[in-house]
Amino acid sequence: MKKTIALIAHDSKKADMVAFVKDNQEILSEANLLATGTTGSYIRQTGLEVELKLSGPKGGDAQIAALAAEGHVDGIIFFRDPLGKHPHEPDIQMLLRICDVYDVPLATNRATGEMVIRGLFRL
């Protein structure tokens, strides 16, 4: 069965996410990809198929958290901007909490993103 990976990136990290996806495109092509709206539209430019959710501030983080809570997400890669202010911070905290409650692997930077992918695909 294909793994499902959710991809999220704050605005200042979207270029980093696209670079990460390009560097791991062969592996990620083996997964079902979900993403928040704007992040996913950038990722689609790599040629990968991505199911788009709402943008983060409009509820996309919450949609992905709900899928994680229901057992439909195997891992989440969320390139966060730890220095920025985000009006949807409560949704972000809820997503992090859901990952902890339901034991869903969550990466918040490139180094842990690599580890999540390798762990999920046993590389």
N, C-alpha and C. Protein backbone atom coordinates (compact mmCIF):
# COMPACT_ATOMS: atom_id res chain seq x y z
N MET A 1 0.84 -1.18 0.00
CA MET A 1 0.00 0.00 0.00
C MET A 1 0.89 1.25 0.00
N LYS A 2 0.49 2.22 -0.79
CA LYS A 2 1.25 3.47 -0.88
C LYS A 2 1.18 4.24 0.43
N LYS A 3 2.28 4.86 0.80
CA LYS A 3 2.32 5.75 1.96
C LYS A 3 1.70 7.09 1.57
N THR A 4 1.09 7.74 2.54
CA THR A 4 0.54 9.07 2.32
C THR A 4 1.34 10.06 3.14
N ILE A 5 1.86 11.07 2.46
CA ILE A 5 2.69 12.08 3.10
C ILE A 5 2.06 13.44 2.85
N ALA A 6 1.94 14.23 3.91
CA ALA A 6 1.42 15.59 3.80
C ALA A 6 2.59 16.56 3.81
N LEU A 7 2.52 17.56 2.95
CA LEU A 7 3.58 18.56 2.82
C LEU A 7 2.99 19.95 3.07
N ILE A 8 3.64 20.68 3.97
CA ILE A 8 3.19 22.02 4.34
C ILE A 8 4.43 22.90 4.47
N ALA A 9 4.33 24.15 4.05
CA ALA A 9 5.46 25.07 4.23
C ALA A 9 4.94 26.49 4.41
N HIS A 10 5.49 27.16 5.40
CA HIS A 10 5.19 28.59 5.54
C HIS A 10 5.76 29.33 4.34
N ASP A 11 5.26 30.53 4.09
CA ASP A 11 5.65 31.29 2.90
C ASP A 11 7.15 31.41 2.75
N SER A 12 7.86 31.71 3.82
CA SER A 12 9.30 31.89 3.73
C SER A 12 10.06 30.58 3.52
N LYS A 13 9.36 29.45 3.59
CA LYS A 13 9.98 28.13 3.45
C LYS A 13 9.52 27.37 2.21
N LYS A 14 8.68 28.01 1.38
CA LYS A 14 8.14 27.31 0.22
C LYS A 14 9.24 26.93 -0.78
N ALA A 15 10.20 27.81 -1.01
CA ALA A 15 11.30 27.48 -1.92
C ALA A 15 12.11 26.31 -1.37
N ASP A 16 12.31 26.28 -0.06
CA ASP A 16 13.02 25.16 0.57
C ASP A 16 12.25 23.86 0.37
N MET A 17 10.92 23.92 0.48
CA MET A 17 10.10 22.72 0.29
C MET A 17 10.20 22.23 -1.14
N VAL A 18 10.13 23.13 -2.11
CA VAL A 18 10.24 22.71 -3.51
C VAL A 18 11.60 22.07 -3.76
N ALA A 19 12.65 22.65 -3.22
CA ALA A 19 13.99 22.06 -3.38
C ALA A 19 14.05 20.68 -2.74
N PHE A 20 13.47 20.54 -1.56
CA PHE A 20 13.42 19.25 -0.86
C PHE A 20 12.69 18.22 -1.71
N VAL A 21 11.54 18.61 -2.25
CA VAL A 21 10.75 17.70 -3.08
C VAL A 21 11.54 17.29 -4.33
N LYS A 22 12.18 18.24 -4.98
CA LYS A 22 12.99 17.91 -6.16
C LYS A 22 14.11 16.95 -5.82
N ASP A 23 14.76 17.18 -4.69
CA ASP A 23 15.87 16.31 -4.26
C ASP A 23 15.39 14.90 -3.91
N ASN A 24 14.12 14.77 -3.55
CA ASN A 24 13.57 13.48 -3.15
C ASN A 24 12.43 13.03 -4.07
N GLN A 25 12.43 13.53 -5.28
CA GLN A 25 11.32 13.30 -6.20
C GLN A 25 11.12 11.82 -6.50
N GLU A 26 12.17 11.06 -6.66
CA GLU A 26 12.03 9.65 -6.98
C GLU A 26 11.30 8.90 -5.86
N ILE A 27 11.69 9.19 -4.64
CA ILE A 27 11.04 8.54 -3.49
C ILE A 27 9.60 9.04 -3.35
N LEU A 28 9.41 10.35 -3.43
CA LEU A 28 8.07 10.92 -3.23
C LEU A 28 7.09 10.52 -4.33
N SER A 29 7.60 10.16 -5.51
CA SER A 29 6.71 9.71 -6.58
C SER A 29 6.05 8.38 -6.23
N GLU A 30 6.58 7.69 -5.23
CA GLU A 30 6.02 6.42 -4.78
C GLU A 30 4.92 6.62 -3.73
N ALA A 31 4.66 7.86 -3.32
CA ALA A 31 3.71 8.15 -2.25
C ALA A 31 2.49 8.89 -2.77
N ASN A 32 1.42 8.83 -1.99
CA ASN A 32 0.29 9.71 -2.18
C ASN A 32 0.64 11.00 -1.46
N LEU A 33 0.64 12.11 -2.16
CA LEU A 33 1.01 13.38 -1.56
C LEU A 33 -0.22 14.26 -1.35
N LEU A 34 -0.27 14.86 -0.17
CA LEU A 34 -1.27 15.87 0.17
C LEU A 34 -0.50 17.13 0.48
N ALA A 35 -1.12 18.27 0.28
CA ALA A 35 -0.45 19.52 0.65
C ALA A 35 -1.49 20.60 0.87
N THR A 36 -1.10 21.58 1.67
CA THR A 36 -1.92 22.77 1.78
C THR A 36 -1.89 23.47 0.42
N GLY A 37 -2.89 24.28 0.15
CA GLY A 37 -3.13 24.81 -1.18
C GLY A 37 -1.97 25.47 -1.89
N THR A 38 -1.40 26.49 -1.30
CA THR A 38 -0.33 27.22 -1.97
C THR A 38 0.93 26.37 -2.07
N THR A 39 1.28 25.69 -0.99
CA THR A 39 2.46 24.81 -1.03
C THR A 39 2.29 23.76 -2.11
N GLY A 40 1.12 23.15 -2.16
CA GLY A 40 0.87 22.11 -3.15
C GLY A 40 0.94 22.61 -4.58
N SER A 41 0.50 23.86 -4.81
CA SER A 41 0.57 24.40 -6.17
C SER A 41 2.03 24.57 -6.61
N TYR A 42 2.89 24.91 -5.68
CA TYR A 42 4.33 24.99 -6.01
C TYR A 42 4.89 23.60 -6.26
N ILE A 43 4.50 22.64 -5.44
CA ILE A 43 5.02 21.27 -5.59
C ILE A 43 4.57 20.66 -6.91
N ARG A 44 3.36 20.98 -7.35
CA ARG A 44 2.87 20.45 -8.62
C ARG A 44 3.77 20.87 -9.79
N GLN A 45 4.46 21.98 -9.65
CA GLN A 45 5.36 22.43 -10.72
C GLN A 45 6.53 21.48 -10.92
N THR A 46 6.77 20.58 -9.97
CA THR A 46 7.82 19.57 -10.12
C THR A 46 7.36 18.41 -10.98
N GLY A 47 6.05 18.36 -11.27
CA GLY A 47 5.49 17.27 -12.06
C GLY A 47 4.86 16.18 -11.21
N LEU A 48 4.99 16.28 -9.89
CA LEU A 48 4.37 15.29 -9.02
C LEU A 48 2.89 15.59 -8.85
N GLU A 49 2.12 14.53 -8.68
CA GLU A 49 0.70 14.67 -8.42
C GLU A 49 0.50 14.93 -6.93
N VAL A 50 -0.28 15.95 -6.61
CA VAL A 50 -0.50 16.35 -5.22
C VAL A 50 -1.98 16.66 -5.02
N GLU A 51 -2.57 16.10 -3.99
CA GLU A 51 -3.95 16.44 -3.63
C GLU A 51 -3.90 17.72 -2.80
N LEU A 52 -4.57 18.75 -3.27
CA LEU A 52 -4.55 20.04 -2.60
C LEU A 52 -5.67 20.16 -1.57
N LYS A 53 -5.31 20.66 -0.41
CA LYS A 53 -6.27 21.04 0.62
C LYS A 53 -6.35 22.56 0.61
N LEU A 54 -7.09 23.14 1.53
CA LEU A 54 -7.15 24.59 1.64
C LEU A 54 -5.78 25.14 2.00
N SER A 55 -5.57 26.42 1.79
CA SER A 55 -4.31 27.02 2.24
C SER A 55 -4.31 26.95 3.77
N GLY A 56 -3.12 26.99 4.36
CA GLY A 56 -3.00 26.87 5.81
C GLY A 56 -3.87 27.83 6.59
N PRO A 57 -3.78 29.14 6.31
CA PRO A 57 -4.60 30.09 7.07
C PRO A 57 -6.10 29.93 6.89
N LYS A 58 -6.51 29.24 5.82
CA LYS A 58 -7.94 29.04 5.56
C LYS A 58 -8.43 27.67 6.02
N GLY A 59 -7.58 26.92 6.73
CA GLY A 59 -8.02 25.65 7.28
C GLY A 59 -7.30 24.42 6.78
N GLY A 60 -6.33 24.59 5.90
CA GLY A 60 -5.61 23.43 5.35
C GLY A 60 -4.85 22.63 6.41
N ASP A 61 -4.24 23.35 7.38
CA ASP A 61 -3.54 22.64 8.46
C ASP A 61 -4.53 21.78 9.24
N ALA A 62 -5.72 22.31 9.48
CA ALA A 62 -6.74 21.58 10.22
C ALA A 62 -7.24 20.37 9.42
N GLN A 63 -7.38 20.53 8.10
CA GLN A 63 -7.80 19.40 7.27
C GLN A 63 -6.79 18.27 7.35
N ILE A 64 -5.52 18.62 7.27
CA ILE A 64 -4.47 17.60 7.33
C ILE A 64 -4.42 16.97 8.72
N ALA A 65 -4.60 17.78 9.76
CA ALA A 65 -4.63 17.23 11.12
C ALA A 65 -5.77 16.23 11.27
N ALA A 66 -6.94 16.55 10.71
CA ALA A 66 -8.08 15.63 10.80
C ALA A 66 -7.76 14.31 10.10
N LEU A 67 -7.14 14.38 8.95
CA LEU A 67 -6.76 13.15 8.24
C LEU A 67 -5.75 12.34 9.04
N ALA A 68 -4.82 13.03 9.69
CA ALA A 68 -3.83 12.35 10.53
C ALA A 68 -4.53 11.66 11.70
N ALA A 69 -5.48 12.35 12.33
CA ALA A 69 -6.20 11.78 13.47
C ALA A 69 -7.01 10.55 13.05
N GLU A 70 -7.48 10.53 11.82
CA GLU A 70 -8.27 9.41 11.31
C GLU A 70 -7.40 8.27 10.78
N GLY A 71 -6.07 8.44 10.84
CA GLY A 71 -5.17 7.38 10.39
C GLY A 71 -4.91 7.35 8.91
N HIS A 72 -5.18 8.46 8.21
CA HIS A 72 -5.01 8.50 6.75
C HIS A 72 -3.70 9.13 6.30
N VAL A 73 -2.85 9.53 7.23
CA VAL A 73 -1.57 10.16 6.89
C VAL A 73 -0.45 9.40 7.60
N ASP A 74 0.55 8.99 6.84
CA ASP A 74 1.67 8.23 7.42
C ASP A 74 2.77 9.13 7.95
N GLY A 75 2.89 10.33 7.42
CA GLY A 75 3.91 11.26 7.88
C GLY A 75 3.62 12.66 7.36
N ILE A 76 4.12 13.65 8.10
CA ILE A 76 3.91 15.05 7.72
C ILE A 76 5.25 15.75 7.71
N ILE A 77 5.50 16.48 6.64
CA ILE A 77 6.69 17.31 6.54
C ILE A 77 6.20 18.74 6.47
N PHE A 78 6.53 19.50 7.51
CA PHE A 78 6.01 20.86 7.69
C PHE A 78 7.19 21.79 7.91
N PHE A 79 7.62 22.45 6.84
CA PHE A 79 8.73 23.40 6.96
C PHE A 79 8.17 24.69 7.54
N ARG A 80 8.39 24.86 8.84
CA ARG A 80 7.87 26.00 9.58
C ARG A 80 8.88 27.13 9.60
N ASP A 81 8.35 28.33 9.71
CA ASP A 81 9.19 29.50 9.94
C ASP A 81 9.10 29.80 11.44
N PRO A 82 10.09 29.37 12.22
CA PRO A 82 10.01 29.53 13.67
C PRO A 82 10.14 30.98 14.13
N LEU A 83 10.55 31.87 13.24
CA LEU A 83 10.76 33.26 13.61
C LEU A 83 9.61 34.18 13.19
N GLY A 84 8.71 33.67 12.38
CA GLY A 84 7.61 34.50 11.89
C GLY A 84 6.38 34.41 12.77
N LYS A 85 5.52 35.41 12.63
CA LYS A 85 4.22 35.40 13.30
C LYS A 85 3.20 34.85 12.32
N HIS A 86 2.33 33.99 12.81
CA HIS A 86 1.35 33.36 11.94
C HIS A 86 -0.03 33.50 12.56
N PRO A 87 -0.96 34.12 11.84
CA PRO A 87 -2.29 34.33 12.41
C PRO A 87 -3.02 33.03 12.71
N HIS A 88 -2.63 31.95 12.05
CA HIS A 88 -3.29 30.66 12.28
C HIS A 88 -2.47 29.78 13.21
N GLU A 89 -1.73 30.39 14.11
CA GLU A 89 -0.89 29.64 15.06
C GLU A 89 -1.68 28.58 15.84
N PRO A 90 -2.92 28.85 16.26
CA PRO A 90 -3.67 27.79 16.95
C PRO A 90 -3.84 26.53 16.10
N ASP A 91 -4.04 26.70 14.79
CA ASP A 91 -4.15 25.53 13.90
C ASP A 91 -2.83 24.78 13.82
N ILE A 92 -1.74 25.52 13.79
CA ILE A 92 -0.41 24.90 13.73
C ILE A 92 -0.16 24.09 14.99
N GLN A 93 -0.47 24.68 16.15
CA GLN A 93 -0.27 23.97 17.41
C GLN A 93 -1.16 22.73 17.48
N MET A 94 -2.37 22.84 16.96
CA MET A 94 -3.28 21.70 16.94
C MET A 94 -2.72 20.58 16.07
N LEU A 95 -2.15 20.92 14.92
CA LEU A 95 -1.53 19.92 14.05
C LEU A 95 -0.39 19.22 14.76
N LEU A 96 0.47 19.98 15.43
CA LEU A 96 1.59 19.39 16.16
C LEU A 96 1.08 18.46 17.27
N ARG A 97 0.04 18.90 17.97
CA ARG A 97 -0.52 18.08 19.05
C ARG A 97 -1.13 16.80 18.51
N ILE A 98 -1.86 16.88 17.41
CA ILE A 98 -2.47 15.68 16.80
C ILE A 98 -1.38 14.67 16.42
N CYS A 99 -0.28 15.16 15.88
CA CYS A 99 0.81 14.25 15.51
C CYS A 99 1.35 13.54 16.76
N ASP A 100 1.45 14.27 17.86
CA ASP A 100 1.92 13.65 19.11
C ASP A 100 0.90 12.66 19.65
N VAL A 101 -0.36 13.04 19.66
CA VAL A 101 -1.42 12.17 20.20
C VAL A 101 -1.53 10.88 19.41
N TYR A 102 -1.47 10.96 18.08
CA TYR A 102 -1.69 9.79 17.23
C TYR A 102 -0.39 9.18 16.69
N ASP A 103 0.74 9.64 17.21
CA ASP A 103 2.04 9.05 16.87
C ASP A 103 2.32 9.09 15.37
N VAL A 104 2.06 10.25 14.77
CA VAL A 104 2.32 10.46 13.34
C VAL A 104 3.67 11.15 13.21
N PRO A 105 4.61 10.58 12.47
CA PRO A 105 5.90 11.24 12.30
C PRO A 105 5.74 12.63 11.70
N LEU A 106 6.42 13.61 12.31
CA LEU A 106 6.33 15.00 11.87
C LEU A 106 7.73 15.58 11.78
N ALA A 107 8.06 16.10 10.61
CA ALA A 107 9.33 16.78 10.40
C ALA A 107 9.07 18.26 10.25
N THR A 108 9.89 19.07 10.90
CA THR A 108 9.70 20.52 10.80
C THR A 108 10.88 21.21 10.13
N ASN A 109 11.81 20.43 9.58
CA ASN A 109 12.94 21.00 8.85
C ASN A 109 13.47 19.95 7.89
N ARG A 110 14.40 20.35 7.06
CA ARG A 110 14.92 19.45 6.02
C ARG A 110 15.56 18.20 6.59
N ALA A 111 16.36 18.35 7.65
CA ALA A 111 17.06 17.19 8.22
C ALA A 111 16.07 16.14 8.71
N THR A 112 15.05 16.56 9.44
CA THR A 112 14.08 15.58 9.92
C THR A 112 13.16 15.11 8.79
N GLY A 113 12.96 15.94 7.78
CA GLY A 113 12.20 15.51 6.61
C GLY A 113 12.86 14.33 5.91
N GLU A 114 14.17 14.42 5.77
CA GLU A 114 14.93 13.31 5.17
C GLU A 114 14.76 12.04 6.01
N MET A 115 14.80 12.19 7.32
CA MET A 115 14.68 11.03 8.21
C MET A 115 13.28 10.43 8.14
N VAL A 116 12.25 11.26 8.08
CA VAL A 116 10.89 10.74 7.98
C VAL A 116 10.72 9.94 6.68
N ILE A 117 11.18 10.50 5.58
CA ILE A 117 11.06 9.79 4.30
C ILE A 117 11.80 8.46 4.35
N ARG A 118 13.03 8.49 4.83
CA ARG A 118 13.81 7.25 4.88
C ARG A 118 13.18 6.22 5.82
N GLY A 119 12.61 6.69 6.92
CA GLY A 119 11.94 5.78 7.83
C GLY A 119 10.68 5.17 7.22
N LEU A 120 9.88 5.99 6.56
CA LEU A 120 8.64 5.49 5.98
C LEU A 120 8.91 4.51 4.84
N PHE A 121 9.98 4.75 4.10
CA PHE A 121 10.29 3.90 2.95
C PHE A 121 11.40 2.91 3.24
N ARG A 122 11.81 2.85 4.50
CA ARG A 122 12.83 1.90 4.97
C ARG A 122 14.10 1.95 4.13
N LEU A 123 14.59 3.18 3.93
CA LEU A 123 15.82 3.38 3.13
C LEU A 123 17.03 3.46 4.01
